[in-house]
Amino acid sequence: MIIAFAISAVLVMWAFWIVSVKQSDEGVNTEAPIATIVDGKQIIDITAKGGYSPRVVVAKAGIPTMLRINTNGTFDCSASVVIPKLSYQKFLQPSGTEDIEITAEKAQGTLQGLCSMGMYNFQIKFQ
């Protein structure tokens, strides 16, 4: 009886582990999206709703960059964007686009953006 109970408990725990691993891997893209360059200006599109997507973007360092944050019915914390390296802080409109200019001098290293509570974040890695 004890052996059957122990085997049942192990099987249940194993099933929960398989389900949790599958759920955590869904929608995960291990490759960082790359910014697009149009007429000598780099454009990075990020969607803000329930967090930021994509969470990591690879961009070219040292060129003028436009960070474009898009919202569509965004009423959560991700509508409040803070980018410390740029001294930028703003409450975004629930639906629309906010363009943030990043000078060539600031387009270096890693630029971190986050919501005002620090729950959601994104990174732009300038290389």
Protein backbone atom coordinates (compact mmCIF):
# COMPACT_ATOMS: atom_id res chain seq x y z
CA MET A 1 0.00 0.00 0.00
CA ILE A 2 2.77 2.44 0.93
CA ILE A 3 4.72 1.55 -2.20
CA ALA A 4 1.67 2.17 -4.43
CA PHE A 5 1.12 5.54 -2.74
CA ALA A 6 4.77 6.52 -3.21
CA ILE A 7 4.73 5.53 -6.89
CA SER A 8 1.49 7.48 -7.40
CA ALA A 9 2.98 10.56 -5.73
CA VAL A 10 6.11 10.37 -7.91
CA LEU A 11 4.00 10.02 -11.08
CA VAL A 12 1.84 13.01 -10.12
CA MET A 13 4.90 15.16 -9.36
CA TRP A 14 6.50 14.08 -12.64
CA ALA A 15 3.31 15.04 -14.57
CA PHE A 16 3.25 18.48 -12.91
CA TRP A 17 6.92 18.98 -13.76
CA ILE A 18 6.36 18.07 -17.45
CA VAL A 19 3.41 20.49 -17.69
CA SER A 20 5.33 23.34 -16.02
CA VAL A 21 8.37 22.89 -18.29
CA LYS A 22 6.15 22.85 -21.39
CA GLN A 23 4.32 26.02 -20.27
CA SER A 24 7.54 27.88 -19.46
CA ASP A 25 9.02 27.04 -22.89
CA GLU A 26 5.97 28.14 -24.90
CA GLY A 27 6.51 31.35 -26.79
CA VAL A 28 10.16 31.62 -25.79
CA ASN A 29 12.36 32.82 -28.60
CA THR A 30 16.02 32.27 -27.78
CA GLU A 31 17.17 34.53 -30.61
CA ALA A 32 16.90 38.27 -29.99
CA PRO A 33 15.13 40.19 -32.75
CA ILE A 34 17.33 42.55 -34.71
CA ALA A 35 16.49 46.23 -35.25
CA THR A 36 15.79 47.43 -38.79
CA ILE A 37 17.74 50.26 -40.44
CA VAL A 38 15.88 52.63 -42.78
CA ASP A 39 17.64 55.63 -44.42
CA GLY A 40 20.52 55.53 -41.93
CA LYS A 41 18.24 55.47 -38.87
CA GLN A 42 17.68 52.39 -36.78
CA ILE A 43 14.08 51.55 -35.83
CA ILE A 44 13.16 49.32 -32.92
CA ASP A 45 9.52 48.34 -32.39
CA ILE A 46 8.38 47.19 -28.96
CA THR A 47 4.83 46.34 -27.93
CA ALA A 48 3.70 47.27 -24.42
CA LYS A 49 0.81 45.19 -23.09
CA GLY A 50 1.11 42.75 -20.23
CA GLY A 51 4.87 43.35 -20.40
CA TYR A 52 7.15 44.25 -23.29
CA SER A 53 7.68 42.29 -26.47
CA PRO A 54 10.25 41.52 -27.60
CA ARG A 55 12.09 41.59 -24.31
CA VAL A 56 15.55 41.66 -25.91
CA VAL A 57 16.55 43.38 -29.16
CA VAL A 58 19.99 43.42 -30.77
CA ALA A 59 20.85 46.73 -32.46
CA LYS A 60 23.82 48.36 -34.15
CA ALA A 61 25.81 50.64 -31.85
CA GLY A 62 26.64 54.24 -32.62
CA ILE A 63 23.87 55.18 -35.05
CA PRO A 64 20.75 57.31 -34.45
CA THR A 65 17.92 55.10 -33.26
CA MET A 66 14.15 55.45 -32.98
CA LEU A 67 12.55 53.36 -30.24
CA ARG A 68 8.89 52.96 -31.15
CA ILE A 69 6.66 51.68 -28.33
CA ASN A 70 3.24 50.52 -29.46
CA THR A 71 0.19 50.17 -27.22
CA ASN A 72 -3.23 48.72 -28.01
CA GLY A 73 -5.66 48.68 -25.10
CA THR A 74 -2.78 48.80 -22.62
CA PHE A 75 -4.00 49.57 -19.11
CA ASP A 76 -1.41 47.69 -17.06
CA CYS A 77 1.93 48.69 -15.57
CA SER A 78 3.72 48.39 -18.93
CA ALA A 79 2.00 51.65 -19.98
CA SER A 80 4.38 53.47 -17.62
CA VAL A 81 7.83 53.35 -19.26
CA VAL A 82 11.09 54.26 -17.54
CA ILE A 83 14.45 54.27 -19.36
CA PRO A 84 17.06 55.36 -16.80
CA LYS A 85 19.98 55.73 -19.27
CA LEU A 86 17.93 58.30 -21.23
CA SER A 87 16.39 59.95 -18.14
CA TYR A 88 13.04 59.10 -19.75
CA GLN A 89 9.79 58.45 -17.90
CA LYS A 90 6.31 58.61 -19.37
CA PHE A 91 2.78 57.27 -19.04
CA LEU A 92 1.84 56.03 -22.51
CA GLN A 93 -1.59 56.45 -24.08
CA PRO A 94 -3.68 53.23 -23.82
CA SER A 95 -3.57 52.88 -27.62
CA GLY A 96 -1.07 54.49 -29.95
CA THR A 97 2.63 54.87 -30.68
CA GLU A 98 5.31 56.69 -28.71
CA ASP A 99 8.55 57.46 -30.58
CA ILE A 100 11.67 57.92 -28.46
CA GLU A 101 14.80 59.32 -30.12
CA ILE A 102 18.11 57.76 -29.06
CA THR A 103 21.18 59.68 -30.17
CA ALA A 104 24.18 57.90 -31.67
CA GLU A 105 26.11 58.71 -28.47
CA LYS A 106 23.49 57.00 -26.26
CA ALA A 107 23.20 53.99 -28.61
CA GLN A 108 25.98 52.13 -26.80
CA GLY A 109 26.08 49.12 -24.50
CA THR A 110 22.80 47.86 -23.06
CA LEU A 111 19.78 50.10 -22.70
CA GLN A 112 17.30 48.88 -20.09
CA GLY A 113 13.64 49.87 -20.08
CA LEU A 114 11.10 48.92 -17.45
CA CYS A 115 7.69 49.73 -16.09
CA SER A 116 7.41 52.11 -13.14
CA MET A 117 7.00 49.21 -10.69
CA GLY A 118 9.93 47.23 -12.15
CA MET A 119 7.72 44.20 -12.88
CA TYR A 120 8.24 44.24 -16.67
CA ASN A 121 11.41 45.07 -18.58
CA PHE A 122 13.09 45.08 -21.96
CA GLN A 123 16.68 45.42 -23.17
CA ILE A 124 18.27 46.83 -26.28
CA LYS A 125 21.77 45.45 -26.75
CA PHE A 126 23.81 47.77 -28.94
CA GLN A 127 26.68 45.86 -30.59
